[in-house]
Protein backbone atom coordinates (compact mmCIF):
# COMPACT_ATOMS: atom_id res chain seq x y z
CA PHE A 1 -5.51 -12.17 -7.99
CA TYR A 2 -4.44 -9.92 -5.12
CA SER A 3 -5.87 -6.43 -5.59
CA SER A 4 -7.41 -4.01 -8.05
CA ALA A 5 -7.63 -0.26 -8.62
CA VAL A 6 -9.25 2.15 -11.08
CA ASP A 7 -7.90 5.50 -12.24
CA ARG A 8 -9.67 8.60 -13.56
CA SER A 9 -8.49 7.97 -17.12
CA GLY A 10 -10.56 4.81 -17.39
CA PHE A 11 -7.94 2.16 -16.69
CA LEU A 12 -8.49 -0.88 -14.48
CA TYR A 13 -5.45 -2.41 -12.75
CA ILE A 14 -5.47 -6.02 -11.54
CA ALA A 15 -2.56 -7.42 -9.52
CA TYR A 16 -1.64 -11.09 -9.56
CA ARG A 17 1.23 -13.57 -9.21
CA TYR A 18 2.20 -16.09 -11.87
CA ALA A 19 4.68 -18.95 -12.32
CA VAL A 20 7.66 -18.14 -14.52
CA GLY A 21 9.71 -21.32 -14.19
CA HIS A 22 11.15 -23.66 -11.65
CA SER A 23 14.37 -24.52 -9.93
CA VAL A 24 15.61 -27.68 -8.27
CA GLY A 25 14.86 -27.62 -4.57
CA ASP A 26 15.72 -29.93 -1.69
CA PHE A 27 15.85 -33.64 -2.50
CA GLY A 28 15.94 -32.89 -6.24
CA PHE A 29 12.29 -31.81 -6.54
CA ALA A 30 11.38 -29.04 -8.95
CA VAL A 31 10.06 -25.93 -7.21
CA ASP A 32 8.06 -23.35 -9.13
CA TYR A 33 8.95 -19.72 -8.66
CA TYR A 34 6.67 -16.78 -9.20
CA LYS A 35 6.70 -13.14 -10.21
CA GLY A 36 4.23 -10.40 -9.42
CA ALA A 37 2.52 -8.41 -12.14
CA VAL A 38 -0.18 -5.82 -12.64
CA ALA A 39 -2.38 -5.96 -15.74
CA GLN A 40 -3.77 -2.68 -17.05
CA TYR A 41 -7.09 -2.86 -18.94
CA ASP A 42 -9.36 -0.29 -20.50
CA PHE A 43 -13.09 -0.53 -19.83
CA GLN A 44 -13.67 -2.38 -23.08
CA GLY A 45 -11.69 -5.24 -21.54
CA SER A 46 -8.61 -4.81 -23.74
CA LEU A 47 -5.25 -5.44 -22.11
CA GLN A 48 -3.14 -2.28 -22.47
CA ARG A 49 0.06 -3.42 -20.80
CA THR A 50 1.50 -5.58 -18.04
CA ILE A 51 3.68 -4.07 -15.31
CA PHE A 52 6.13 -6.56 -13.80
CA LEU A 53 7.39 -6.23 -10.23
CA PRO A 54 11.18 -6.36 -9.79
CA GLY A 55 11.55 -9.74 -8.11
CA ARG A 56 10.50 -13.36 -7.80
CA THR A 57 9.96 -15.94 -5.07
CA ASP A 58 13.35 -17.64 -5.36
CA ILE A 59 15.26 -14.38 -4.77
CA SER A 60 14.98 -13.29 -1.15
CA THR A 61 13.99 -9.73 -0.19
CA THR A 62 12.67 -8.99 -3.69
CA CYS A 63 9.17 -7.71 -4.53
CA TYR A 64 6.71 -10.10 -6.14
CA THR A 65 3.42 -9.80 -4.23
CA PRO A 66 1.51 -6.65 -5.31
CA SER A 67 -1.08 -6.90 -2.54
CA LEU A 68 -2.53 -3.37 -2.27
CA MET A 69 -2.94 -0.70 -4.93
CA SER A 70 -4.25 2.85 -5.29
CA VAL A 71 -4.03 5.51 -8.01
CA ASP A 72 -3.15 9.09 -7.03
CA THR A 73 -4.50 12.33 -8.47
CA GLN A 74 -1.60 12.51 -10.96
CA GLY A 75 -2.45 9.07 -12.36
CA SER A 76 0.44 7.18 -10.73
CA LEU A 77 -0.26 3.64 -9.52
CA TRP A 78 0.98 2.93 -5.97
CA ILE A 79 1.65 -0.65 -4.86
CA ALA A 80 2.38 -2.00 -1.39
CA ASP A 81 4.29 -5.30 -1.36
CA PRO A 82 4.24 -7.04 2.05
CA THR A 83 6.94 -9.56 1.09
CA CYS A 84 9.71 -7.00 0.60
CA HIS A 85 8.09 -4.16 2.62
CA HIS A 86 8.45 -1.81 -0.33
CA LEU A 87 6.12 0.92 -1.54
CA LEU A 88 6.35 1.26 -5.32
CA SER A 89 4.78 3.66 -7.80
CA TYR A 90 4.44 3.43 -11.57
CA SER A 91 3.30 5.85 -14.24
CA SER A 92 0.28 4.90 -16.35
CA ASP A 93 2.67 3.76 -19.10
CA GLY A 94 4.31 1.26 -16.72
CA THR A 95 7.49 3.18 -15.87
CA LEU A 96 8.77 2.71 -12.30
CA ILE A 97 8.74 6.12 -10.56
CA ASN A 98 9.42 5.28 -6.90
CA ASP A 99 10.72 2.23 -5.06
CA VAL A 100 10.74 2.99 -1.34
CA PRO A 101 12.56 0.21 0.59
CA SER A 102 11.54 -0.62 4.16
CA ALA A 103 8.61 1.75 3.78
CA PHE A 104 6.62 -0.01 6.50
CA PRO A 105 7.66 -2.50 9.21
CA GLY A 106 4.33 -4.29 9.65
CA PHE A 107 1.80 -5.98 7.39
CA PRO A 108 -0.11 -3.60 5.07
CA ARG A 109 -3.91 -3.64 5.52
CA GLY A 110 -4.99 -0.65 3.43
CA LEU A 111 -3.55 1.74 0.84
CA TRP A 112 -5.22 4.88 -0.42
CA THR A 113 -4.30 8.27 -1.85
CA GLY A 114 -5.37 11.79 -0.98
CA PRO A 115 -4.43 15.24 -2.20
CA SER A 116 -0.64 15.11 -2.62
CA SER A 117 -0.35 12.19 -0.16
CA VAL A 118 -0.30 8.40 -0.05
CA PHE A 119 -1.56 6.63 3.08
CA LEU A 120 -0.73 3.10 4.16
CA ALA A 121 -2.46 1.38 7.09
CA GLU A 122 -0.59 -1.52 8.63
CA SER A 123 -0.74 -3.99 11.49
CA VAL A 124 2.11 -3.67 13.97
CA CYS A 125 3.00 -7.08 15.41
CA ASP A 126 5.14 -8.28 18.28
CA GLY A 127 5.76 -11.63 19.97
CA PHE A 128 2.20 -11.62 21.37
CA GLY A 129 0.30 -10.95 18.15
CA CYS A 130 -0.70 -7.84 16.25
CA PRO A 131 -2.31 -5.62 18.89
CA HIS A 132 -1.67 -2.28 17.24
CA GLY A 133 -2.07 -0.53 13.96
CA ALA A 134 -0.50 2.47 12.30
CA VAL A 135 -1.07 4.78 9.37
CA LEU A 136 1.93 6.09 7.46
CA ARG A 137 1.68 9.14 5.25
CA PHE A 138 4.00 9.65 2.24
CA ASP A 139 4.25 12.44 -0.28
CA TYR A 140 4.16 11.70 -4.01
CA ASP A 141 7.96 11.40 -4.03
CA GLY A 142 7.70 8.46 -1.63
CA VAL A 143 9.08 10.37 1.36
CA GLN A 144 7.42 9.48 4.67
CA GLN A 145 5.80 12.54 6.23
CA ASN A 146 4.00 11.28 9.33
CA TYR A 147 3.19 8.20 11.38
CA LEU A 148 -0.13 7.81 13.21
CA VAL A 149 -0.66 5.10 15.84
CA ALA A 150 -4.09 3.51 15.56
CA SER A 151 -5.94 0.49 16.92
CA SER A 152 -5.61 -2.49 14.55
CA THR A 153 -6.37 -0.39 11.51
CA VAL A 154 -7.85 -2.36 8.63
CA GLY A 155 -9.63 0.25 6.57
CA ALA A 156 -9.78 3.95 5.93
CA ALA A 157 -11.31 6.62 3.77
CA TRP A 158 -9.99 10.08 3.08
CA ASP A 159 -11.14 13.34 1.57
CA ASN A 160 -9.46 16.74 1.56
CA ARG A 161 -9.56 17.23 5.34
CA VAL A 162 -11.14 14.23 7.06
CA LEU A 163 -9.48 10.88 7.78
CA TYR A 164 -11.68 7.95 8.87
CA LEU A 165 -10.10 4.88 10.48
CA GLY A 166 -11.85 1.62 11.26
CA SER A 167 -10.67 -1.51 13.07
CA PRO A 168 -11.74 -5.18 13.17
CA ASP A 169 -12.29 -5.39 16.90
CA SER A 170 -14.56 -3.44 19.22
CA ALA A 171 -12.65 -0.19 18.77
CA PRO A 172 -14.89 2.55 17.33
CA LEU A 173 -14.65 4.30 14.02
CA ARG A 174 -12.38 7.30 14.44
CA ARG A 175 -12.71 10.55 12.55
CA PHE A 176 -9.87 13.07 12.40
CA ILE A 177 -10.39 16.58 11.02
CA LEU A 178 -7.05 17.97 9.94
CA ASN A 179 -6.08 21.61 10.11
CA ASN A 180 -2.62 23.01 9.45
CA PRO A 181 0.16 20.41 9.69
CA PRO A 182 2.30 20.60 12.82
CA ALA A 183 5.89 21.80 12.66
CA ALA A 184 7.00 18.29 13.65
CA ALA A 185 5.10 15.03 13.71
CA VAL A 186 4.26 14.01 17.28
CA GLN A 187 2.03 11.30 18.75
CA SER A 188 -0.67 13.76 19.76
CA SER A 189 -0.72 15.45 16.37
CA PRO A 190 0.73 13.02 13.83
CA LEU A 191 -1.06 14.16 10.67
CA GLY A 192 -2.15 17.64 11.61
CA GLY A 193 -4.25 19.32 14.24
CA VAL A 194 -6.84 16.84 15.49
CA VAL A 195 -9.92 18.98 16.00
CA LEU A 196 -12.47 16.22 16.50
CA HIS A 197 -12.42 12.49 16.96
CA SER A 198 -14.93 9.94 18.13
CA SER A 199 -13.77 7.31 20.57
């Protein structure tokens, strides 16, 4: 399985990929193809429903790897798919709400929700590796609001006003306290007024 999430209504979501058939590949060999799915369980262990992603491995640019998940305050399940670079959201009854194409250019490392926002941390790679990280902020309609450059971001935590960012290398934990949002997103103030940060 790839990822899991829990909502406030008592549902557990587990993401996975499964074989749905095969096609004939090069040299006449059968090649399995896969779809991505998210199983929704209650806390008694009963399967409530299965949410299927709109793609499979033998169709290029489609979504079939639900790798990161988070549930927002309205009960919507958000999924980041690194294969198609889409950010998707579903209602608790399995209805697709948002499908944001090309939502992030890099490889997603973390996904979490805050008050009225969805945050996605990603690695930003070039021909020399993945030296940078970034955090993208979306509203609940899937519209990107801000973009914060970070140092190889792999994890984060968020409450109403404080954003914590960690990284896998020697870079320190950073803490941002957010005041009023700026009129326009800029590098020095990408998510709001940065009052304090540790470096």
